[in-house]
Protein backbone atom coordinates (compact mmCIF):
# COMPACT_ATOMS: atom_id res chain seq x y z
CA MET A 1 14.02 -69.58 -60.50
CA PRO A 2 16.17 -70.81 -63.37
CA GLY A 3 15.62 -74.13 -64.64
CA GLU A 4 12.67 -74.82 -62.21
CA PRO A 5 9.68 -72.70 -62.61
CA SER A 6 7.35 -74.75 -60.27
CA ARG A 7 9.67 -75.51 -57.49
CA LEU A 8 9.03 -74.14 -54.55
CA SER A 9 10.93 -72.16 -51.67
CA LYS A 10 10.42 -70.58 -48.02
CA SER A 11 9.51 -67.39 -49.33
CA ARG A 12 7.53 -68.60 -52.16
CA TYR A 13 5.51 -70.67 -49.87
CA LEU A 14 4.99 -68.10 -47.28
CA ALA A 15 4.10 -65.42 -50.56
CA GLY A 16 1.71 -68.12 -51.43
CA LEU A 17 -0.01 -68.48 -47.96
CA GLN A 18 -0.98 -64.84 -48.02
CA CYS A 19 -2.22 -64.99 -51.55
CA HIS A 20 -2.33 -67.80 -54.62
CA LYS A 21 -2.48 -64.94 -57.08
CA GLN A 22 0.29 -62.90 -55.80
CA LEU A 23 2.68 -66.72 -55.66
CA TRP A 24 1.70 -66.83 -59.71
CA TRP A 25 2.97 -63.60 -60.34
CA ARG A 26 6.29 -63.83 -58.58
CA VAL A 27 6.68 -67.38 -60.12
CA HIS A 28 5.54 -66.47 -63.67
CA GLU A 29 6.85 -63.06 -63.95
CA PRO A 30 9.79 -62.78 -61.98
CA GLU A 31 10.89 -59.42 -63.59
CA ALA A 32 7.79 -57.38 -62.92
CA PRO A 33 8.57 -53.81 -61.80
CA GLU A 34 6.72 -54.33 -59.09
CA LEU A 35 9.19 -56.80 -57.64
CA SER A 36 11.85 -54.04 -57.92
CA PRO A 37 12.23 -53.08 -53.66
CA THR A 38 11.72 -49.48 -52.70
CA PRO A 39 14.91 -47.71 -51.02
CA GLY A 40 13.33 -48.32 -47.96
CA GLN A 41 12.98 -52.45 -48.64
CA GLN A 42 16.60 -52.41 -49.56
CA ASN A 43 17.37 -50.80 -46.35
CA LEU A 44 15.62 -53.39 -44.47
CA PHE A 45 16.67 -56.00 -46.27
CA ALA A 46 20.51 -54.74 -46.09
CA GLN A 47 20.25 -54.49 -41.96
CA GLY A 48 18.24 -57.67 -41.89
CA ARG A 49 21.57 -59.18 -43.27
CA ASP A 50 23.63 -57.21 -40.52
CA VAL A 51 21.57 -58.63 -37.78
CA GLY A 52 21.64 -62.24 -39.36
CA GLU A 53 25.44 -62.17 -39.54
CA ARG A 54 25.51 -60.83 -36.13
CA ALA A 55 23.10 -63.20 -34.99
CA ARG A 56 25.63 -66.31 -35.63
CA ARG A 57 28.25 -64.86 -32.75
CA HIS A 58 25.91 -65.48 -30.08
CA VAL A 59 25.76 -69.32 -31.57
CA PRO A 60 29.56 -69.81 -32.40
CA GLY A 61 31.80 -72.18 -34.13
CA GLY A 62 29.39 -72.82 -36.86
CA GLU A 63 30.44 -73.79 -40.73
CA LEU A 64 28.98 -70.90 -43.04
CA ILE A 65 27.61 -71.86 -46.58
CA ASP A 66 29.22 -69.29 -48.66
CA LEU A 67 27.52 -69.27 -52.36
CA PRO A 68 25.38 -67.15 -54.51
CA PHE A 69 21.93 -66.64 -53.58
CA PHE A 70 20.74 -68.77 -56.60
CA GLN A 71 23.14 -71.91 -56.76
CA TYR A 72 20.46 -73.17 -54.55
CA ASP A 73 21.72 -77.26 -55.50
CA ASP A 74 25.26 -76.49 -55.36
CA LYS A 75 23.90 -75.21 -51.82
CA VAL A 76 22.37 -78.04 -51.04
CA ALA A 77 25.14 -80.61 -51.95
CA ALA A 78 27.53 -78.02 -49.47
CA THR A 79 25.11 -78.22 -46.90
CA ARG A 80 25.44 -81.65 -47.15
CA GLU A 81 29.38 -82.40 -46.72
CA ALA A 82 28.99 -79.83 -43.81
CA LEU A 83 26.51 -81.98 -42.13
CA LYS A 84 29.50 -85.07 -42.50
CA ARG A 85 31.80 -82.79 -40.66
CA GLU A 86 29.31 -82.39 -37.57
CA PRO A 87 30.22 -78.84 -36.93
CA PRO A 88 28.11 -77.33 -34.00
CA ALA A 89 26.35 -75.30 -36.28
CA ILE A 90 25.83 -74.45 -40.01
CA TYR A 91 24.95 -70.89 -41.18
CA GLU A 92 22.91 -70.52 -43.82
CA ALA A 93 22.18 -74.05 -44.23
CA TRP A 94 20.26 -74.90 -47.35
CA PHE A 95 18.10 -78.24 -47.85
CA LEU A 96 15.59 -79.88 -50.28
CA ALA A 97 12.55 -81.97 -50.09
CA ASP A 98 9.13 -82.31 -51.16
CA ASP A 99 9.90 -80.18 -53.99
CA THR A 100 10.99 -77.10 -52.04
CA TYR A 101 14.11 -75.31 -51.28
CA VAL A 102 14.49 -73.55 -47.42
CA GLY A 103 17.46 -71.82 -46.45
CA VAL A 104 17.93 -71.96 -42.44
CA ASP A 105 19.09 -68.77 -41.04
CA ILE A 106 20.95 -71.13 -38.36
CA LEU A 107 20.89 -74.61 -37.68
CA GLU A 108 22.24 -75.65 -34.46
CA ARG A 109 23.59 -79.38 -33.71
CA THR A 110 21.85 -80.50 -30.28
CA PRO A 111 22.93 -84.05 -28.50
CA ARG A 112 20.03 -85.75 -30.44
CA GLY A 113 19.50 -83.99 -33.15
CA HIS A 114 19.27 -80.25 -34.34
CA THR A 115 17.76 -76.97 -33.61
CA VAL A 116 16.42 -74.74 -36.68
CA ILE A 117 16.76 -71.64 -35.65
CA GLU A 118 14.89 -68.96 -37.87
CA VAL A 119 16.53 -65.09 -36.97
CA LYS A 120 14.46 -62.04 -37.35
CA ALA A 121 15.47 -58.46 -37.41
CA SER A 122 12.28 -57.25 -35.47
CA ASN A 123 12.05 -56.46 -31.39
CA SER A 124 9.41 -59.09 -31.13
CA ARG A 125 8.04 -62.83 -32.40
CA LYS A 126 5.22 -61.94 -34.97
CA PRO A 127 2.45 -64.28 -35.79
CA GLU A 128 3.94 -64.89 -39.44
CA HIS A 129 7.21 -66.34 -38.35
CA LEU A 130 5.85 -69.52 -36.97
CA PRO A 131 4.83 -70.32 -40.64
CA ASP A 132 8.55 -69.49 -41.90
CA ALA A 133 9.80 -71.97 -39.26
CA ALA A 134 7.04 -74.60 -39.37
CA VAL A 135 7.90 -74.95 -43.40
CA GLN A 136 11.59 -75.10 -42.87
CA VAL A 137 11.18 -77.84 -40.11
CA HIS A 138 9.07 -79.66 -42.81
CA VAL A 139 11.58 -79.57 -45.17
CA LEU A 140 14.36 -80.87 -43.06
CA ARG A 141 12.31 -83.38 -41.68
CA GLY A 142 11.64 -84.50 -45.56
CA ALA A 143 15.65 -84.79 -46.02
CA GLY A 144 16.22 -87.06 -43.42
CA LEU A 145 17.11 -84.42 -40.69
CA GLN A 146 16.37 -85.14 -36.88
CA VAL A 147 14.94 -81.76 -36.12
CA GLU A 148 14.12 -81.64 -32.33
CA ARG A 149 13.57 -77.79 -31.65
CA ALA A 150 12.80 -74.99 -33.41
CA GLU A 151 13.09 -71.37 -32.22
CA VAL A 152 12.86 -67.73 -33.38
CA MET A 153 16.04 -65.62 -32.50
CA HIS A 154 14.56 -61.52 -32.77
CA LEU A 155 15.73 -58.84 -31.41
CA ASN A 156 16.10 -57.59 -27.56
CA PRO A 157 13.90 -54.24 -27.48
CA GLU A 158 15.64 -54.33 -24.00
CA CYS A 159 18.85 -54.37 -24.61
CA ARG A 160 21.47 -50.85 -24.51
CA HIS A 161 24.18 -50.04 -26.43
CA PRO A 162 27.04 -50.63 -25.72
CA ASP A 163 26.34 -53.65 -24.05
CA LEU A 164 25.56 -56.01 -27.07
CA SER A 165 25.80 -59.26 -25.12
CA ASN A 166 21.95 -59.46 -24.89
CA LEU A 167 20.85 -58.36 -28.29
CA PHE A 168 18.94 -61.11 -29.33
CA VAL A 169 16.07 -62.57 -27.72
CA ARG A 170 15.86 -66.94 -28.61
CA GLU A 171 12.35 -68.20 -28.35
CA ASP A 172 11.54 -71.54 -28.56
CA VAL A 173 8.68 -72.47 -30.70
CA THR A 174 8.08 -75.82 -30.61
CA ALA A 175 5.23 -76.92 -29.80
CA LEU A 176 3.30 -73.78 -31.76
CA VAL A 177 5.75 -74.61 -35.06
CA GLU A 178 4.37 -78.94 -34.24
CA GLY A 179 0.72 -77.03 -34.70
CA ALA A 180 1.78 -75.43 -37.72
CA LEU A 181 3.13 -78.57 -39.43
CA ILE A 182 -0.01 -80.26 -40.16
CA GLY A 183 -1.27 -78.28 -42.94
CA VAL A 184 2.21 -77.67 -44.75
CA PRO A 185 2.09 -80.41 -47.19
CA ASP A 186 -1.29 -80.33 -48.26
CA GLU A 187 -0.10 -76.73 -48.73
CA LEU A 188 2.56 -76.77 -50.87
CA ALA A 189 0.93 -79.49 -52.91
CA ALA A 190 -2.15 -77.03 -53.40
CA GLN A 191 0.58 -74.56 -54.38
CA ARG A 192 2.39 -76.50 -57.04
CA ARG A 193 -0.93 -77.76 -59.13
CA MET A 194 -2.16 -73.68 -58.93
CA LEU A 195 1.69 -72.63 -60.24
CA GLU A 196 0.94 -75.30 -63.31
CA GLY A 197 -2.50 -74.02 -64.48
CA PRO A 198 -3.66 -70.05 -65.35
CA LEU A 199 -3.15 -67.45 -63.15
CA PRO A 200 -6.08 -68.24 -60.24
CA ASP A 201 -9.04 -65.85 -59.33
CA VAL A 202 -8.53 -64.86 -56.10
CA PRO A 203 -11.21 -62.05 -54.63
CA ILE A 204 -9.19 -59.16 -52.88
CA GLY A 205 -9.72 -59.17 -48.84
CA GLU A 206 -7.88 -58.33 -45.80
CA HIS A 207 -4.68 -61.10 -47.02
CA CYS A 208 -4.10 -57.71 -49.80
CA THR A 209 -2.42 -56.31 -46.74
CA ARG A 210 -1.80 -58.99 -43.96
CA PRO A 211 0.79 -59.64 -42.94
CA TYR A 212 2.26 -57.39 -45.79
CA ASP A 213 1.34 -55.44 -48.67
CA CYS A 214 1.28 -57.13 -51.48
CA PRO A 215 3.56 -55.94 -54.31
CA PHE A 216 0.61 -56.36 -56.80
CA LEU A 217 -2.33 -54.32 -54.81
CA GLU A 218 -2.71 -52.51 -57.58
CA ARG A 219 -3.44 -54.81 -60.16
CA CYS A 220 -6.44 -56.01 -58.17
CA TRP A 221 -7.45 -53.34 -56.71
CA PRO A 222 -9.97 -51.23 -58.81
CA LYS A 223 -9.46 -47.21 -59.22
CA LEU A 224 -11.63 -45.32 -56.55
CA PRO A 225 -13.27 -42.40 -57.65
CA ASP A 226 -11.96 -38.98 -56.08
CA HIS A 227 -13.71 -38.88 -52.58
CA HIS A 228 -14.60 -42.54 -52.24
CA VAL A 229 -15.58 -43.43 -48.69
CA SER A 230 -13.02 -45.06 -47.65
CA LYS A 231 -11.21 -41.33 -47.73
CA LEU A 232 -13.16 -40.57 -44.83
CA TYR A 233 -10.30 -39.28 -42.15
CA ARG A 234 -9.14 -42.47 -40.29
CA ILE A 235 -12.19 -44.52 -41.57
CA GLU A 236 -12.11 -48.34 -40.44
CA ARG A 237 -12.40 -50.60 -43.31
CA LYS A 238 -15.38 -52.11 -42.12
CA ARG A 239 -17.53 -48.77 -41.94
CA ALA A 240 -16.31 -48.07 -45.05
CA LEU A 241 -17.40 -51.21 -47.08
CA GLU A 242 -20.66 -50.83 -44.88
CA LEU A 243 -21.54 -47.39 -46.50
CA GLU A 244 -20.75 -49.12 -50.10
CA ALA A 245 -23.18 -51.99 -49.23
CA ASP A 246 -26.21 -49.24 -48.20
CA GLY A 247 -25.28 -47.54 -52.06
CA TYR A 248 -22.84 -44.65 -50.97
CA GLU A 249 -19.97 -45.02 -52.85
CA THR A 250 -17.97 -41.25 -52.48
CA LEU A 251 -19.00 -38.61 -50.35
CA TYR A 252 -20.97 -36.65 -52.75
CA ASP A 253 -23.71 -39.23 -52.18
CA LEU A 254 -23.71 -39.61 -48.70
CA PRO A 255 -27.26 -38.17 -46.72
CA SER A 256 -27.41 -35.04 -44.78
CA ASP A 257 -29.11 -36.76 -42.38
CA LEU A 258 -26.29 -39.32 -41.77
CA GLU A 259 -24.67 -39.36 -38.44
CA LEU A 260 -20.76 -38.57 -38.73
CA SER A 261 -18.23 -37.66 -36.65
CA VAL A 262 -17.38 -33.63 -36.62
CA ILE A 263 -14.16 -34.44 -38.68
CA HIS A 264 -15.90 -36.50 -41.16
CA ALA A 265 -18.92 -33.67 -41.33
CA ARG A 266 -16.47 -31.22 -41.70
CA GLN A 267 -14.58 -32.98 -44.73
CA VAL A 268 -18.11 -34.19 -46.49
CA ARG A 269 -19.11 -30.54 -46.51
CA ALA A 270 -15.85 -29.32 -48.08
CA VAL A 271 -16.37 -32.05 -50.56
CA GLN A 272 -19.91 -31.72 -51.47
CA THR A 273 -19.70 -27.78 -51.69
CA GLY A 274 -16.12 -27.82 -53.45
CA ARG A 275 -14.75 -25.32 -51.21
CA MET A 276 -12.37 -25.19 -47.97
CA VAL A 277 -14.30 -25.16 -44.94
CA VAL A 278 -13.22 -22.62 -42.08
CA GLU A 279 -14.46 -23.29 -38.72
CA PRO A 280 -14.99 -19.76 -36.39
CA THR A 281 -13.13 -21.46 -33.76
CA LEU A 282 -9.90 -21.18 -35.49
CA ALA A 283 -9.40 -17.86 -34.05
CA LYS A 284 -9.33 -19.13 -30.68
CA ALA A 285 -6.74 -21.65 -31.80
CA LEU A 286 -4.07 -19.19 -32.92
CA PRO A 287 -3.27 -17.08 -29.76
CA GLN A 288 -0.94 -19.89 -28.50
CA PHE A 289 1.08 -19.23 -31.81
CA ALA A 290 3.28 -16.35 -29.55
CA SER A 291 6.10 -14.75 -31.46
CA PRO A 292 9.25 -15.11 -31.63
CA LEU A 293 8.76 -18.42 -32.80
CA ALA A 294 10.85 -21.21 -33.77
CA PHE A 295 9.97 -24.00 -36.43
CA LEU A 296 11.27 -26.93 -35.93
CA ASP A 297 11.28 -30.42 -37.66
CA PHE A 298 13.87 -33.47 -36.73
CA GLU A 299 14.82 -36.25 -39.14
CA THR A 300 16.48 -38.91 -37.58
CA VAL A 301 17.88 -42.64 -38.50
CA SER A 302 16.75 -46.41 -37.34
CA LEU A 303 19.23 -48.87 -36.93
CA ALA A 304 18.69 -52.63 -36.18
CA ILE A 305 21.98 -53.07 -34.61
CA PRO A 306 22.64 -49.74 -32.40
CA ARG A 307 25.74 -47.81 -32.72
CA TRP A 308 25.54 -45.01 -29.49
CA PRO A 309 25.44 -44.95 -26.12
CA GLY A 310 22.26 -45.51 -24.77
CA CYS A 311 20.70 -46.88 -28.30
CA ARG A 312 18.14 -49.39 -28.27
CA PRO A 313 17.43 -51.87 -31.79
CA TRP A 314 15.61 -49.69 -34.09
CA GLN A 315 15.33 -46.77 -32.04
CA GLN A 316 14.57 -43.71 -34.02
CA VAL A 317 17.53 -41.42 -33.08
CA PRO A 318 18.00 -37.83 -34.34
CA VAL A 319 20.36 -36.82 -36.78
CA GLN A 320 19.41 -33.77 -38.52
CA PHE A 321 17.03 -30.69 -37.82
CA SER A 322 15.51 -27.42 -39.02
CA ALA A 323 14.63 -24.55 -37.57
CA HIS A 324 13.03 -21.24 -39.04
CA ARG A 325 13.76 -18.49 -35.56
CA GLU A 326 11.88 -14.99 -35.82
CA GLU A 327 13.98 -12.62 -34.47
CA ARG A 328 13.00 -10.20 -31.95
CA GLY A 329 12.58 -6.38 -32.65
CA ARG A 330 13.36 -6.92 -36.88
CA GLY A 331 9.74 -7.03 -37.83
CA GLY A 332 9.46 -10.71 -37.14
CA SER A 333 12.26 -11.13 -40.33
CA LEU A 334 13.22 -15.23 -40.41
CA VAL A 335 16.51 -16.98 -39.78
CA HIS A 336 17.59 -20.72 -40.54
CA HIS A 337 19.04 -23.04 -38.73
CA GLU A 338 20.35 -26.18 -39.82
CA TRP A 339 22.31 -29.19 -38.37
CA ILE A 340 23.19 -32.57 -40.27
CA ALA A 341 25.37 -35.46 -39.25
CA GLU A 342 27.83 -36.27 -41.78
CA GLY A 343 29.81 -39.67 -40.01
CA PRO A 344 29.46 -42.55 -37.76
CA ALA A 345 30.06 -40.66 -34.94
CA ASP A 346 27.42 -39.97 -32.22
CA PRO A 347 25.83 -37.28 -33.60
CA ARG A 348 23.82 -35.94 -30.70
CA PRO A 349 26.05 -33.97 -28.75
CA ALA A 350 26.72 -31.69 -31.70
CA LEU A 351 23.03 -31.70 -32.35
CA ALA A 352 22.31 -30.83 -29.01
CA GLU A 353 24.22 -27.94 -28.55
CA ALA A 354 22.81 -26.39 -32.44
CA LEU A 355 19.52 -26.89 -31.57
CA VAL A 356 19.42 -25.10 -28.15
CA GLU A 357 21.24 -22.49 -30.17
CA ALA A 358 18.83 -22.04 -32.50
CA CYS A 359 15.65 -22.15 -30.30
CA ALA A 360 17.04 -19.74 -27.85
CA GLU A 361 15.31 -17.21 -27.94
CA ALA A 362 11.81 -18.48 -29.15
CA ARG A 363 8.50 -18.14 -26.63
CA LYS A 364 6.89 -21.03 -28.60
CA VAL A 365 8.40 -23.99 -30.42
CA VAL A 366 6.25 -25.03 -33.58
CA ALA A 367 6.18 -28.63 -34.72
CA TYR A 368 3.66 -30.47 -37.25
CA HIS A 369 2.79 -33.81 -35.32
CA ALA A 370 4.65 -32.68 -31.79
CA SER A 371 4.72 -36.19 -30.18
CA PHE A 372 7.60 -36.68 -32.73
CA GLU A 373 9.56 -33.78 -31.99
CA ARG A 374 8.88 -34.27 -28.34
CA GLU A 375 10.15 -37.81 -28.28
CA CYS A 376 13.00 -36.68 -30.24
CA LEU A 377 13.76 -34.26 -27.28
CA LYS A 378 13.52 -36.24 -24.57
CA GLN A 379 15.82 -38.67 -26.28
CA LEU A 380 18.30 -35.81 -26.85
CA ARG A 381 17.75 -35.50 -22.99
CA GLU A 382 18.82 -38.17 -22.12
CA ALA A 383 21.72 -38.80 -24.52
CA VAL A 384 23.16 -35.49 -24.04
CA PRO A 385 22.60 -34.26 -19.38
CA ARG A 386 24.95 -31.31 -19.97
CA PHE A 387 21.94 -29.70 -22.41
CA ALA A 388 18.76 -31.17 -20.09
CA LYS A 389 17.59 -28.20 -18.98
CA GLU A 390 18.02 -26.51 -21.90
CA LEU A 391 16.14 -29.03 -23.93
CA GLU A 392 13.67 -29.42 -21.56
CA ARG A 393 12.78 -26.22 -22.04
CA ILE A 394 12.76 -26.58 -25.74
CA GLU A 395 10.25 -29.49 -25.07
CA LYS A 396 7.56 -27.14 -22.65
CA ARG A 397 7.67 -24.65 -25.29
CA LEU A 398 6.53 -27.30 -28.01
CA VAL A 399 3.25 -26.12 -29.80
CA ASP A 400 1.82 -28.48 -32.36
CA LEU A 401 0.23 -27.16 -35.77
CA LEU A 402 -1.13 -30.52 -37.10
CA PRO A 403 -4.48 -30.62 -34.62
CA VAL A 404 -4.96 -26.66 -35.60
CA ILE A 405 -5.53 -27.61 -39.06
CA ARG A 406 -7.31 -31.05 -38.18
CA ARG A 407 -9.67 -29.62 -35.81
CA HIS A 408 -10.85 -26.15 -37.48
CA VAL A 409 -9.93 -26.45 -41.38
CA TYR A 410 -10.86 -28.92 -44.04
CA HIS A 411 -9.87 -28.62 -47.74
CA PRO A 412 -11.34 -30.75 -50.34
CA ASP A 413 -7.84 -31.25 -51.62
CA PHE A 414 -6.47 -32.73 -48.16
CA GLY A 415 -7.88 -36.24 -49.72
CA GLY A 416 -8.89 -37.50 -45.99
CA GLY A 417 -5.97 -36.81 -44.54
CA PHE A 418 -3.69 -34.03 -42.65
CA SER A 419 -0.28 -34.83 -43.11
CA ILE A 420 2.12 -31.90 -44.34
CA LYS A 421 2.26 -33.59 -47.59
CA LYS A 422 -1.20 -32.88 -48.26
CA THR A 423 -2.45 -29.70 -46.53
CA LEU A 424 0.94 -27.70 -47.75
CA PRO A 425 -0.15 -27.88 -51.49
CA ALA A 426 -3.66 -27.55 -50.34
CA LEU A 427 -3.53 -24.46 -48.23
CA VAL A 428 -0.03 -22.86 -49.46
CA PRO A 429 -0.73 -23.36 -53.77
CA GLY A 430 2.83 -23.43 -55.50
CA LEU A 431 4.26 -24.81 -52.55
CA SER A 432 4.55 -28.94 -52.29
CA TYR A 433 7.60 -31.12 -51.94
CA ALA A 434 7.49 -32.23 -55.82
CA ASP A 435 10.32 -30.32 -56.99
CA LEU A 436 13.06 -32.08 -54.18
CA TRP A 437 15.27 -34.75 -55.09
CA VAL A 438 14.20 -36.02 -51.60
CA GLN A 439 10.46 -35.74 -51.30
CA ASP A 440 9.40 -38.29 -48.22
CA GLY A 441 10.51 -39.49 -44.73
CA GLU A 442 11.63 -42.76 -46.03
CA VAL A 443 13.87 -41.77 -48.23
CA ALA A 444 15.20 -39.01 -45.95
CA THR A 445 15.92 -42.27 -43.50
CA VAL A 446 17.84 -44.09 -46.05
CA GLU A 447 19.94 -41.48 -47.69
CA LEU A 448 20.85 -39.94 -44.07
CA GLN A 449 22.27 -43.30 -42.98
CA ARG A 450 24.26 -43.75 -46.47
CA LEU A 451 25.68 -40.48 -45.88
CA MET A 452 26.64 -41.12 -42.13
CA LEU A 453 27.45 -44.86 -42.71
CA GLU A 454 28.69 -45.22 -45.94
CA GLY A 455 30.69 -41.66 -46.35
CA ASP A 456 34.10 -42.98 -47.09
CA ARG A 457 32.95 -45.12 -49.95
CA THR A 458 31.10 -42.29 -51.52
CA PRO A 459 32.46 -40.01 -54.25
CA PRO A 460 32.22 -36.70 -53.02
CA ALA A 461 30.60 -34.94 -55.51
CA GLU A 462 27.68 -37.44 -54.75
CA ARG A 463 28.13 -37.10 -51.30
CA ALA A 464 27.90 -33.54 -50.94
CA ALA A 465 24.55 -33.77 -53.35
CA ARG A 466 22.82 -36.22 -50.57
CA ARG A 467 23.81 -33.59 -47.76
CA GLU A 468 22.58 -31.05 -50.14
CA ALA A 469 19.51 -32.39 -51.08
CA LEU A 470 18.63 -33.61 -47.46
CA LEU A 471 18.85 -30.49 -46.00
CA ARG A 472 16.51 -28.75 -48.82
CA TYR A 473 14.18 -31.60 -47.81
CA CYS A 474 14.24 -30.87 -43.77
CA GLU A 475 14.17 -27.07 -44.43
CA ARG A 476 11.39 -27.32 -46.64
CA ASP A 477 9.19 -29.21 -43.63
CA THR A 478 10.34 -25.98 -41.43
CA TRP A 479 9.40 -23.60 -43.95
CA ALA A 480 6.12 -25.01 -44.76
CA MET A 481 5.22 -24.82 -40.70
CA VAL A 482 6.02 -21.03 -41.42
CA LYS A 483 3.36 -20.47 -44.30
CA LEU A 484 0.88 -22.64 -43.38
CA LEU A 485 0.71 -20.58 -39.63
CA GLU A 486 0.80 -17.23 -42.15
CA LYS A 487 -2.21 -19.03 -44.30
CA LEU A 488 -4.36 -19.93 -40.99
CA ARG A 489 -4.24 -16.01 -39.93
CA SER A 490 -4.86 -14.63 -43.00
CA LEU A 491 -7.94 -17.26 -43.09
CA VAL A 492 -9.50 -15.45 -39.61
CA ALA A 493 -8.27 -12.02 -40.70
CA ASP A 494 -11.03 -12.78 -43.81
CA GLN A 495 -12.98 -14.27 -41.52
CA LEU A 496 -13.25 -10.92 -39.26
CA GLU A 497 -13.27 -8.61 -42.44
CA LEU A 498 -17.27 -10.94 -42.75
CA PHE A 499 -18.31 -9.53 -39.70
């Protein structure tokens, strides 16, 4: 904070609770590149602000302290003046005590004092919300305010658009906060002392990723060698540490008599031999992919405050699809179908209609990690009942390519995972996502929301470029499945030739 290098704030206190070293870097290197938010984080912040503004409607009649975020002392002074007017609530109230600034989302006046309401854009109360509320109560009481109650106000997963009257749940956390208050003064003092000295020495551990991934992870964690034991597919961290303690650093070091799961054993064999492992059982897994096939992929948006009928907070709503479909009687030639939402209206009726047409002739519909597509189809059935039967037929025809690869194939370049981003470049050299502007689902979600909700504020050329980038990304997902299935069939053909 300008001019106040060691003065703490609520966000700094919470960072320090997770790790003193993280807090030291945040304070002494505020311009560190690691602190630049990702597109996904920026999206969460923006939706969090929307949730905060919406929450005020549920505690009406309050006064907003509306000053730039960096004017801490001015906000504290404005809050002091607002308290004299005794409004029913103050929004974004700011206080300073014990050398620590805190902002309070909603400060509600009660007959005998005040209630601190911490607004969270999550669907439930989480353990990390308690120290957040506790430091606020500590500072407000230190500033002379009578705080008799603390609440966490979070989104209600039972809420359904268009009735947003029950969008929030207010949970009384007073008793829990009173318990958490005991350690606050000592921790604040410890953080202040630490910030006055050199970078503290804090060993790495579970706290590096709990409750949040530390932005400085790469500074502290050693660079792991290729095929480190922690790269065993879905291995528990505790088990990886045990293997390291036993002297096994990489998969090359693991002895042949070590007891491993089937997938781990295949992974180790592939890495140790430097060759792809293809099980003989692959041949029996492929007949389920009966032509004519359609290859299907959805993209979704997830909004904290639902906008379309029947939607709940943070529901993943399908707003785009790509489908490559084999044409009957045309030698297996493929036709590409695609659809993308471009405005704020409910996209599901038009998407459902286009989807039914795209998959009409397919005997089976191929997806990668099909539980996601199945959930999208289920949602579409509920949202667009006139196509419910056709959508249910698509759902029943779904076949999943992911478990086929996971159970029967391992390439050393999979790197311990089976996502399409890992399997595609390994099995189909030359085909990946590296040439695309949108390269992952997180960015796709953010860009889709911009295309749909900010279209009128975006220059036409930029809007057209965003739309095209999203279409190419989704198309790559289904084309990837086409090429992966081709590759798997060729591997089976190669096996048959050997015999």
